[in-house]
C-alpha cells in the first residue's frame, strides 16, 4: 500500500491512519532518496516508534547509501 511522501519524506500521520485500519506485516523504505520528492527521510519519520507496537518489520532498501553530494551520509535505521 503506498504511503504519501511530502517535502520532508514519509508522511507518518498517514501511516498511523493506515495502521488504525490495516494490519501491516512489513514496510519497504528508501530513506536516502524518498520517491518522488527525492528528500532524505529524517530520523523522526522512520517509523521506528510505530513498528514495535504494531508489530511490523521495516525493510530498509538503502541501495544508494553512499551516493550523496553534500555532507555525511545518513546512517541506516539501526546505525549509530
N, C-alpha and C. Protein backbone atom coordinates (compact mmCIF):
# COMPACT_ATOMS: atom_id res chain seq x y z
N UNK A 1 0.84 -1.17 0.00
CA UNK A 1 0.00 0.00 0.00
C UNK A 1 0.89 1.23 0.00
N UNK A 2 0.70 2.11 -0.93
CA UNK A 2 1.53 3.31 -0.96
C UNK A 2 1.22 4.25 0.21
N UNK A 3 2.23 4.97 0.64
CA UNK A 3 2.09 5.96 1.71
C UNK A 3 2.55 7.30 1.15
N UNK A 4 1.80 8.37 1.39
CA UNK A 4 2.19 9.67 0.85
C UNK A 4 3.56 10.13 1.33
N UNK A 5 4.23 10.88 0.48
CA UNK A 5 5.53 11.48 0.77
C UNK A 5 5.38 12.98 0.52
N UNK A 6 5.89 13.79 1.45
CA UNK A 6 5.85 15.24 1.27
C UNK A 6 7.28 15.78 1.22
N UNK A 7 7.45 17.05 1.37
CA UNK A 7 8.77 17.68 1.27
C UNK A 7 9.74 17.21 2.35
N UNK A 8 9.24 16.58 3.42
CA UNK A 8 10.09 16.08 4.49
C UNK A 8 10.21 14.56 4.50
N UNK A 9 9.68 13.91 3.49
CA UNK A 9 9.76 12.45 3.40
C UNK A 9 8.43 11.79 3.71
N UNK A 10 8.50 10.58 4.22
CA UNK A 10 7.33 9.77 4.52
C UNK A 10 6.36 10.50 5.45
N UNK A 11 5.07 10.48 5.13
CA UNK A 11 4.04 11.12 5.95
C UNK A 11 3.64 10.15 7.07
N UNK A 12 4.18 10.36 8.26
CA UNK A 12 3.95 9.47 9.39
C UNK A 12 2.49 9.48 9.82
N UNK A 13 1.83 10.62 9.77
CA UNK A 13 0.41 10.69 10.14
C UNK A 13 -0.42 9.80 9.22
N UNK A 14 -0.11 9.78 7.95
CA UNK A 14 -0.82 8.90 7.01
C UNK A 14 -0.55 7.44 7.35
N UNK A 15 0.66 7.13 7.76
CA UNK A 15 1.00 5.76 8.17
C UNK A 15 0.20 5.36 9.41
N UNK A 16 0.07 6.27 10.35
CA UNK A 16 -0.71 5.99 11.56
C UNK A 16 -2.18 5.75 11.22
N UNK A 17 -2.74 6.53 10.31
CA UNK A 17 -4.14 6.32 9.89
C UNK A 17 -4.30 4.96 9.23
N UNK A 18 -3.35 4.58 8.41
CA UNK A 18 -3.39 3.28 7.75
C UNK A 18 -3.32 2.15 8.77
N UNK A 19 -2.45 2.29 9.75
CA UNK A 19 -2.30 1.26 10.78
C UNK A 19 -3.54 1.12 11.66
N UNK A 20 -4.35 2.15 11.72
CA UNK A 20 -5.58 2.08 12.51
C UNK A 20 -6.62 1.16 11.86
N UNK A 21 -6.49 0.94 10.55
CA UNK A 21 -7.49 0.14 9.84
C UNK A 21 -6.93 -1.10 9.16
N UNK A 22 -5.62 -1.17 8.99
CA UNK A 22 -5.00 -2.27 8.26
C UNK A 22 -3.92 -2.95 9.10
N UNK A 23 -3.77 -4.25 8.91
CA UNK A 23 -2.67 -5.00 9.54
C UNK A 23 -1.50 -4.98 8.56
N UNK A 24 -0.41 -4.36 8.96
CA UNK A 24 0.78 -4.26 8.13
C UNK A 24 1.81 -5.26 8.67
N UNK A 25 2.40 -6.06 7.79
CA UNK A 25 3.42 -7.01 8.22
C UNK A 25 4.82 -6.45 8.03
N UNK A 26 4.99 -5.60 7.00
CA UNK A 26 6.32 -5.03 6.73
C UNK A 26 6.15 -3.78 5.88
N UNK A 27 7.17 -2.93 5.96
CA UNK A 27 7.22 -1.76 5.09
C UNK A 27 8.62 -1.70 4.47
N UNK A 28 8.66 -1.27 3.22
CA UNK A 28 9.92 -1.16 2.49
C UNK A 28 10.17 0.33 2.26
N UNK A 29 11.30 0.84 2.75
CA UNK A 29 11.59 2.26 2.63
C UNK A 29 12.93 2.49 1.95
N UNK A 30 13.05 3.63 1.33
CA UNK A 30 14.32 4.08 0.74
C UNK A 30 14.66 5.41 1.40
N UNK A 31 15.31 5.38 2.57
CA UNK A 31 15.49 6.59 3.37
C UNK A 31 16.36 7.67 2.75
N UNK A 32 17.32 7.34 1.92
CA UNK A 32 18.20 8.36 1.35
C UNK A 32 17.51 9.22 0.30
N UNK A 33 16.65 8.64 -0.50
CA UNK A 33 16.01 9.37 -1.61
C UNK A 33 14.55 8.96 -1.69
N UNK A 34 13.70 9.59 -0.88
CA UNK A 34 12.28 9.28 -0.88
C UNK A 34 11.64 9.69 -2.20
N UNK A 35 11.07 8.73 -2.91
CA UNK A 35 10.42 8.98 -4.20
C UNK A 35 9.03 9.53 -3.95
N UNK A 36 8.53 10.48 -4.65
CA UNK A 36 9.08 11.17 -5.80
C UNK A 36 9.77 12.49 -5.46
N UNK A 37 9.83 12.85 -4.19
CA UNK A 37 10.37 14.16 -3.80
C UNK A 37 11.90 14.18 -3.72
N UNK A 38 12.54 13.01 -3.66
CA UNK A 38 13.99 12.88 -3.58
C UNK A 38 14.56 13.55 -2.33
N UNK A 39 13.83 13.47 -1.22
CA UNK A 39 14.30 14.02 0.04
C UNK A 39 14.83 12.89 0.93
N UNK A 40 15.67 13.25 1.86
CA UNK A 40 16.20 12.29 2.82
C UNK A 40 15.22 12.16 3.99
N UNK A 41 14.89 10.95 4.33
CA UNK A 41 13.94 10.68 5.41
C UNK A 41 14.59 10.98 6.75
N UNK A 42 14.00 11.89 7.51
CA UNK A 42 14.56 12.27 8.80
C UNK A 42 14.39 11.14 9.82
N UNK A 43 15.18 11.18 10.87
CA UNK A 43 15.09 10.16 11.93
C UNK A 43 13.70 10.14 12.55
N UNK A 44 13.05 11.28 12.67
CA UNK A 44 11.72 11.35 13.28
C UNK A 44 10.66 10.67 12.43
N UNK A 45 10.93 10.48 11.14
CA UNK A 45 9.93 9.91 10.25
C UNK A 45 10.23 8.48 9.82
N UNK A 46 11.08 7.81 10.53
CA UNK A 46 11.49 6.47 10.09
C UNK A 46 10.63 5.33 10.62
N UNK A 47 9.51 5.61 11.21
CA UNK A 47 8.52 4.62 11.65
C UNK A 47 8.98 3.71 12.78
N UNK A 48 10.12 3.98 13.37
CA UNK A 48 10.61 3.11 14.44
C UNK A 48 9.65 3.06 15.63
N UNK A 49 9.03 4.19 15.96
CA UNK A 49 8.11 4.24 17.09
C UNK A 49 6.80 3.50 16.80
N UNK A 50 6.46 3.32 15.53
CA UNK A 50 5.23 2.61 15.16
C UNK A 50 5.45 1.12 14.97
N UNK A 51 6.65 0.72 14.57
CA UNK A 51 6.91 -0.67 14.22
C UNK A 51 6.73 -1.63 15.40
N UNK A 52 7.24 -1.27 16.54
CA UNK A 52 7.16 -2.18 17.69
C UNK A 52 5.72 -2.41 18.17
N UNK A 53 4.95 -1.36 18.47
CA UNK A 53 3.59 -1.61 18.98
C UNK A 53 2.67 -2.25 17.94
N UNK A 54 2.92 -1.98 16.65
CA UNK A 54 2.07 -2.55 15.60
C UNK A 54 2.66 -3.82 15.01
N UNK A 55 3.85 -4.20 15.49
CA UNK A 55 4.50 -5.47 15.14
C UNK A 55 4.66 -5.65 13.63
N UNK A 56 5.33 -4.69 13.01
CA UNK A 56 5.68 -4.87 11.60
C UNK A 56 7.17 -4.64 11.41
N UNK A 57 7.71 -5.26 10.38
CA UNK A 57 9.13 -5.16 10.07
C UNK A 57 9.38 -3.96 9.17
N UNK A 58 10.55 -3.35 9.33
CA UNK A 58 10.97 -2.26 8.45
C UNK A 58 12.11 -2.80 7.59
N UNK A 59 11.89 -2.80 6.29
CA UNK A 59 12.93 -3.21 5.34
C UNK A 59 13.54 -1.95 4.78
N UNK A 60 14.78 -1.72 5.13
CA UNK A 60 15.47 -0.52 4.68
C UNK A 60 16.17 -0.82 3.36
N UNK A 61 15.58 -0.35 2.29
CA UNK A 61 16.10 -0.57 0.94
C UNK A 61 17.01 0.61 0.59
N UNK A 62 18.16 0.63 1.21
CA UNK A 62 19.06 1.78 1.08
C UNK A 62 20.20 1.45 0.12
N UNK A 63 19.81 1.13 -1.11
CA UNK A 63 20.78 0.69 -2.12
C UNK A 63 21.81 1.77 -2.48
N UNK A 64 21.50 3.01 -2.24
CA UNK A 64 22.42 4.09 -2.63
C UNK A 64 22.89 4.89 -1.41
N UNK A 65 23.12 4.22 -0.32
CA UNK A 65 23.53 4.86 0.93
C UNK A 65 24.77 5.75 0.75
N UNK A 66 25.72 5.30 -0.05
CA UNK A 66 26.97 6.04 -0.21
C UNK A 66 26.92 7.09 -1.32
N UNK A 67 25.79 7.21 -2.00
CA UNK A 67 25.67 8.18 -3.10
C UNK A 67 25.08 9.49 -2.57
N UNK A 68 25.93 10.45 -2.31
CA UNK A 68 25.47 11.76 -1.84
C UNK A 68 26.49 12.80 -2.28
N UNK A 69 26.06 14.03 -2.37
CA UNK A 69 26.93 15.10 -2.86
C UNK A 69 27.41 16.05 -1.77
N UNK A 70 26.66 16.12 -0.69
CA UNK A 70 26.95 17.14 0.31
C UNK A 70 26.86 16.52 1.71
N UNK A 71 27.84 16.78 2.55
CA UNK A 71 27.80 16.32 3.93
C UNK A 71 28.05 14.83 4.05
N UNK A 72 27.75 14.32 5.23
CA UNK A 72 27.95 12.91 5.53
C UNK A 72 26.70 12.12 5.22
N UNK A 73 26.82 10.83 4.87
CA UNK A 73 25.63 10.03 4.60
C UNK A 73 24.82 9.82 5.87
N UNK A 74 23.53 9.64 5.71
CA UNK A 74 22.65 9.35 6.83
C UNK A 74 22.82 7.88 7.16
N UNK A 75 22.99 7.58 8.45
CA UNK A 75 23.17 6.20 8.87
C UNK A 75 21.89 5.39 8.68
N UNK A 76 22.01 4.08 8.50
CA UNK A 76 20.84 3.21 8.42
C UNK A 76 20.04 3.29 9.71
N UNK A 77 18.81 2.76 9.70
CA UNK A 77 17.93 2.83 10.86
C UNK A 77 18.61 2.35 12.13
N UNK A 78 19.31 1.24 12.06
CA UNK A 78 19.95 0.68 13.23
C UNK A 78 21.34 1.23 13.49
N UNK A 79 21.81 2.13 12.60
CA UNK A 79 23.16 2.67 12.74
C UNK A 79 23.27 3.66 13.87
N UNK A 80 24.42 3.79 14.41
CA UNK A 80 24.56 4.75 15.48
C UNK A 80 25.98 5.10 15.76
